[in-house]
């Protein structure tokens, strides 16, 4: 079974603003890409554009990316796009 770390529709269905959710997931994907944590599939999905159908799942991530998400993402996923960028940087710099 495919492990999904986050999915835009989960947040939207829970009443979060769709633009805010999409903006946050864009930030997460840009960070993962910058840190070399996306596979070619992840890069391709990101290049197609982030919309309300986006999910971040294990096939999109390298081993490093999966380890990072499993260690950090649950603590950060509730943050806004602005704050998640800062928290992701802080989390990667701890390692």
N, C-alpha and C. Protein backbone atom coordinates (compact mmCIF):
# COMPACT_ATOMS: atom_id res chain seq x y z
N UNK A 1 0.83 -1.18 0.00
CA UNK A 1 0.00 0.00 0.00
C UNK A 1 0.88 1.25 0.00
N UNK A 2 0.48 2.24 -0.73
CA UNK A 2 1.22 3.49 -0.89
C UNK A 2 1.03 4.38 0.34
N UNK A 3 2.14 4.81 0.94
CA UNK A 3 2.07 5.69 2.09
C UNK A 3 1.92 7.13 1.61
N UNK A 4 0.88 7.80 2.08
CA UNK A 4 0.64 9.20 1.74
C UNK A 4 0.96 10.03 2.97
N UNK A 5 1.85 11.01 2.79
CA UNK A 5 2.25 11.87 3.89
C UNK A 5 1.30 13.05 4.07
N UNK A 6 0.80 13.58 2.97
CA UNK A 6 -0.16 14.68 3.05
C UNK A 6 -0.92 14.74 1.74
N UNK A 7 -2.13 15.26 1.83
CA UNK A 7 -2.99 15.34 0.66
C UNK A 7 -3.83 16.60 0.79
N UNK A 8 -3.84 17.42 -0.24
CA UNK A 8 -4.56 18.69 -0.19
C UNK A 8 -6.03 18.47 0.16
N UNK A 9 -6.64 17.47 -0.44
CA UNK A 9 -8.07 17.27 -0.25
C UNK A 9 -8.44 16.96 1.20
N UNK A 10 -7.52 16.33 1.95
CA UNK A 10 -7.79 16.07 3.36
C UNK A 10 -8.04 17.39 4.09
N UNK A 11 -7.19 18.38 3.84
CA UNK A 11 -7.30 19.67 4.52
C UNK A 11 -8.52 20.45 4.03
N UNK A 12 -8.74 20.42 2.73
CA UNK A 12 -9.88 21.14 2.15
C UNK A 12 -11.19 20.56 2.67
N UNK A 13 -11.28 19.24 2.71
CA UNK A 13 -12.49 18.59 3.23
C UNK A 13 -12.72 18.92 4.71
N UNK A 14 -11.63 19.22 5.42
CA UNK A 14 -11.73 19.57 6.84
C UNK A 14 -12.06 21.05 7.04
N UNK A 15 -12.24 21.79 5.93
CA UNK A 15 -12.66 23.18 6.03
C UNK A 15 -11.57 24.22 5.87
N UNK A 16 -10.35 23.79 5.61
CA UNK A 16 -9.27 24.75 5.40
C UNK A 16 -9.43 25.43 4.04
N UNK A 17 -8.93 26.64 3.95
CA UNK A 17 -8.97 27.41 2.71
C UNK A 17 -8.12 26.70 1.65
N UNK A 18 -8.71 26.44 0.48
CA UNK A 18 -8.01 25.66 -0.54
C UNK A 18 -6.75 26.36 -1.04
N UNK A 19 -6.79 27.68 -1.20
CA UNK A 19 -5.59 28.40 -1.66
C UNK A 19 -4.47 28.28 -0.63
N UNK A 20 -4.81 28.40 0.64
CA UNK A 20 -3.80 28.29 1.70
C UNK A 20 -3.20 26.88 1.73
N UNK A 21 -4.03 25.88 1.53
CA UNK A 21 -3.55 24.48 1.52
C UNK A 21 -2.60 24.26 0.34
N UNK A 22 -3.01 24.72 -0.83
CA UNK A 22 -2.19 24.55 -2.03
C UNK A 22 -0.87 25.30 -1.89
N UNK A 23 -0.93 26.52 -1.36
CA UNK A 23 0.30 27.30 -1.14
C UNK A 23 1.25 26.56 -0.21
N UNK A 24 0.70 25.98 0.86
CA UNK A 24 1.54 25.27 1.82
C UNK A 24 2.20 24.05 1.18
N UNK A 25 1.44 23.28 0.42
CA UNK A 25 2.02 22.09 -0.21
C UNK A 25 3.03 22.46 -1.29
N UNK A 26 2.84 23.59 -1.95
CA UNK A 26 3.86 24.08 -2.89
C UNK A 26 5.17 24.35 -2.16
N UNK A 27 5.07 25.00 -1.01
CA UNK A 27 6.26 25.31 -0.21
C UNK A 27 6.97 24.01 0.19
N UNK A 28 6.21 23.03 0.63
CA UNK A 28 6.80 21.75 1.05
C UNK A 28 7.51 21.09 -0.13
N UNK A 29 6.85 21.03 -1.28
CA UNK A 29 7.46 20.40 -2.46
C UNK A 29 8.69 21.16 -2.93
N UNK A 30 8.64 22.48 -2.91
CA UNK A 30 9.82 23.27 -3.30
C UNK A 30 10.98 23.00 -2.36
N UNK A 31 10.70 22.90 -1.07
CA UNK A 31 11.73 22.59 -0.08
C UNK A 31 12.33 21.21 -0.34
N UNK A 32 11.47 20.21 -0.53
CA UNK A 32 11.95 18.85 -0.77
C UNK A 32 12.80 18.79 -2.04
N UNK A 33 12.39 19.52 -3.06
CA UNK A 33 13.14 19.56 -4.31
C UNK A 33 14.51 20.21 -4.08
N UNK A 34 14.51 21.34 -3.41
CA UNK A 34 15.77 22.07 -3.14
C UNK A 34 16.76 21.21 -2.35
N UNK A 35 16.23 20.37 -1.46
CA UNK A 35 17.08 19.53 -0.62
C UNK A 35 17.41 18.18 -1.26
N UNK A 36 17.01 17.98 -2.51
CA UNK A 36 17.33 16.74 -3.21
C UNK A 36 16.55 15.55 -2.70
N UNK A 37 15.34 15.77 -2.22
CA UNK A 37 14.55 14.70 -1.63
C UNK A 37 13.43 14.20 -2.53
N UNK A 38 13.30 14.76 -3.73
CA UNK A 38 12.27 14.30 -4.66
C UNK A 38 12.86 13.33 -5.67
N UNK A 39 12.11 12.30 -5.98
CA UNK A 39 12.47 11.39 -7.06
C UNK A 39 12.08 12.06 -8.38
N UNK A 40 12.40 11.41 -9.48
CA UNK A 40 11.99 11.96 -10.78
C UNK A 40 10.47 12.03 -10.87
N UNK A 41 9.77 11.08 -10.27
CA UNK A 41 8.30 11.13 -10.25
C UNK A 41 7.82 12.34 -9.46
N UNK A 42 8.46 12.61 -8.34
CA UNK A 42 8.09 13.78 -7.52
C UNK A 42 8.32 15.08 -8.27
N UNK A 43 9.44 15.17 -8.97
CA UNK A 43 9.74 16.38 -9.75
C UNK A 43 8.73 16.56 -10.88
N UNK A 44 8.38 15.45 -11.51
CA UNK A 44 7.42 15.52 -12.61
C UNK A 44 6.05 15.99 -12.11
N UNK A 45 5.62 15.46 -10.99
CA UNK A 45 4.33 15.87 -10.42
C UNK A 45 4.38 17.34 -10.04
N UNK A 46 5.46 17.78 -9.43
CA UNK A 46 5.60 19.18 -9.06
C UNK A 46 5.58 20.07 -10.30
N UNK A 47 6.27 19.66 -11.35
CA UNK A 47 6.32 20.44 -12.59
C UNK A 47 4.97 20.55 -13.28
N UNK A 48 4.11 19.54 -13.07
CA UNK A 48 2.77 19.59 -13.65
C UNK A 48 1.90 20.66 -12.98
N UNK A 49 2.27 21.02 -11.77
CA UNK A 49 1.54 22.06 -11.05
C UNK A 49 0.83 21.49 -9.84
N UNK A 50 0.84 22.28 -8.79
CA UNK A 50 0.22 21.88 -7.54
C UNK A 50 -1.19 22.45 -7.51
N UNK A 51 -2.16 21.55 -7.34
CA UNK A 51 -3.55 21.98 -7.23
C UNK A 51 -4.23 21.15 -6.14
N UNK A 52 -5.53 21.23 -6.06
CA UNK A 52 -6.25 20.55 -4.97
C UNK A 52 -6.18 19.03 -5.06
N UNK A 53 -5.67 18.49 -6.16
CA UNK A 53 -5.56 17.03 -6.28
C UNK A 53 -4.20 16.51 -5.80
N UNK A 54 -3.30 17.39 -5.39
CA UNK A 54 -1.94 16.98 -5.03
C UNK A 54 -1.92 16.16 -3.73
N UNK A 55 -1.07 15.18 -3.73
CA UNK A 55 -0.75 14.46 -2.50
C UNK A 55 0.75 14.23 -2.51
N UNK A 56 1.33 14.17 -1.33
CA UNK A 56 2.76 13.86 -1.21
C UNK A 56 2.83 12.42 -0.71
N UNK A 57 3.38 11.55 -1.55
CA UNK A 57 3.42 10.13 -1.20
C UNK A 57 4.83 9.58 -1.38
N UNK A 58 5.02 8.36 -0.90
CA UNK A 58 6.34 7.77 -0.81
C UNK A 58 7.07 7.62 -2.14
N UNK A 59 6.38 7.39 -3.25
CA UNK A 59 7.06 7.23 -4.53
C UNK A 59 7.64 8.55 -5.04
N UNK A 60 7.16 9.65 -4.48
CA UNK A 60 7.67 10.97 -4.87
C UNK A 60 9.00 11.30 -4.18
N UNK A 61 9.35 10.53 -3.16
CA UNK A 61 10.46 10.89 -2.29
C UNK A 61 11.61 9.88 -2.35
N UNK A 62 12.81 10.41 -2.22
CA UNK A 62 13.99 9.56 -2.08
C UNK A 62 13.97 8.97 -0.66
N UNK A 63 14.91 8.08 -0.38
CA UNK A 63 15.02 7.56 0.98
C UNK A 63 15.20 8.69 1.98
N UNK A 64 16.05 9.64 1.64
CA UNK A 64 16.27 10.80 2.52
C UNK A 64 14.97 11.57 2.73
N UNK A 65 14.20 11.74 1.68
CA UNK A 65 12.93 12.46 1.76
C UNK A 65 11.91 11.73 2.62
N UNK A 66 11.83 10.41 2.45
CA UNK A 66 10.90 9.63 3.27
C UNK A 66 11.30 9.70 4.74
N UNK A 67 12.59 9.56 5.01
CA UNK A 67 13.05 9.64 6.40
C UNK A 67 12.76 11.02 7.00
N UNK A 68 13.00 12.07 6.21
CA UNK A 68 12.73 13.43 6.69
C UNK A 68 11.25 13.61 7.00
N UNK A 69 10.40 13.19 6.08
CA UNK A 69 8.96 13.35 6.27
C UNK A 69 8.48 12.56 7.48
N UNK A 70 8.95 11.34 7.63
CA UNK A 70 8.52 10.53 8.76
C UNK A 70 8.99 11.09 10.09
N UNK A 71 10.15 11.71 10.10
CA UNK A 71 10.70 12.25 11.34
C UNK A 71 10.14 13.62 11.70
N UNK A 72 9.70 14.39 10.71
CA UNK A 72 9.39 15.79 10.97
C UNK A 72 7.99 16.27 10.59
N UNK A 73 7.41 15.68 9.58
CA UNK A 73 6.25 16.33 8.97
C UNK A 73 5.02 16.40 9.87
N UNK A 74 4.75 15.39 10.65
CA UNK A 74 3.57 15.42 11.51
C UNK A 74 3.59 16.61 12.46
N UNK A 75 4.77 17.03 12.87
CA UNK A 75 4.89 18.16 13.79
C UNK A 75 4.71 19.50 13.07
N UNK A 76 4.81 19.50 11.74
CA UNK A 76 4.82 20.76 10.98
C UNK A 76 3.59 20.97 10.11
N UNK A 77 2.85 19.92 9.81
CA UNK A 77 1.81 19.99 8.80
C UNK A 77 0.68 20.96 9.12
N UNK A 78 0.52 21.35 10.37
CA UNK A 78 -0.55 22.27 10.74
C UNK A 78 -0.16 23.74 10.51
N UNK A 79 1.10 24.00 10.19
CA UNK A 79 1.58 25.38 10.04
C UNK A 79 1.14 26.00 8.72
N UNK A 80 1.13 27.32 8.69
CA UNK A 80 0.82 28.05 7.45
C UNK A 80 2.00 27.94 6.48
N UNK A 81 1.77 28.35 5.24
CA UNK A 81 2.84 28.29 4.23
C UNK A 81 4.06 29.08 4.68
N UNK A 82 3.83 30.25 5.23
CA UNK A 82 4.95 31.09 5.68
C UNK A 82 5.73 30.41 6.81
N UNK A 83 5.01 29.89 7.78
CA UNK A 83 5.67 29.29 8.94
C UNK A 83 6.25 27.92 8.65
N UNK A 84 5.65 27.18 7.74
CA UNK A 84 6.18 25.84 7.45
C UNK A 84 7.53 25.94 6.75
N UNK A 85 7.72 26.97 5.94
CA UNK A 85 9.02 27.16 5.27
C UNK A 85 10.12 27.30 6.31
N UNK A 86 9.89 28.12 7.31
CA UNK A 86 10.87 28.34 8.38
C UNK A 86 11.10 27.06 9.16
N UNK A 87 10.02 26.38 9.52
CA UNK A 87 10.13 25.15 10.31
C UNK A 87 10.84 24.04 9.55
N UNK A 88 10.60 23.93 8.24
CA UNK A 88 11.29 22.92 7.43
C UNK A 88 12.79 23.20 7.41
N UNK A 89 13.16 24.46 7.24
CA UNK A 89 14.59 24.83 7.24
C UNK A 89 15.21 24.51 8.59
N UNK A 90 14.51 24.82 9.66
CA UNK A 90 15.05 24.52 10.99
C UNK A 90 15.21 23.02 11.20
N UNK A 91 14.23 22.25 10.72
CA UNK A 91 14.30 20.79 10.89
C UNK A 91 15.47 20.19 10.12
N UNK A 92 15.71 20.68 8.91
CA UNK A 92 16.80 20.11 8.11
C UNK A 92 18.16 20.52 8.69
N UNK A 93 18.23 21.70 9.28
CA UNK A 93 19.50 22.17 9.84
C UNK A 93 19.86 21.48 11.14
N UNK A 94 18.89 20.83 11.78
CA UNK A 94 19.16 20.08 13.03
C UNK A 94 19.95 18.81 12.73
N UNK A 95 19.84 18.32 11.53
CA UNK A 95 20.44 17.02 11.18
C UNK A 95 21.89 17.17 10.84
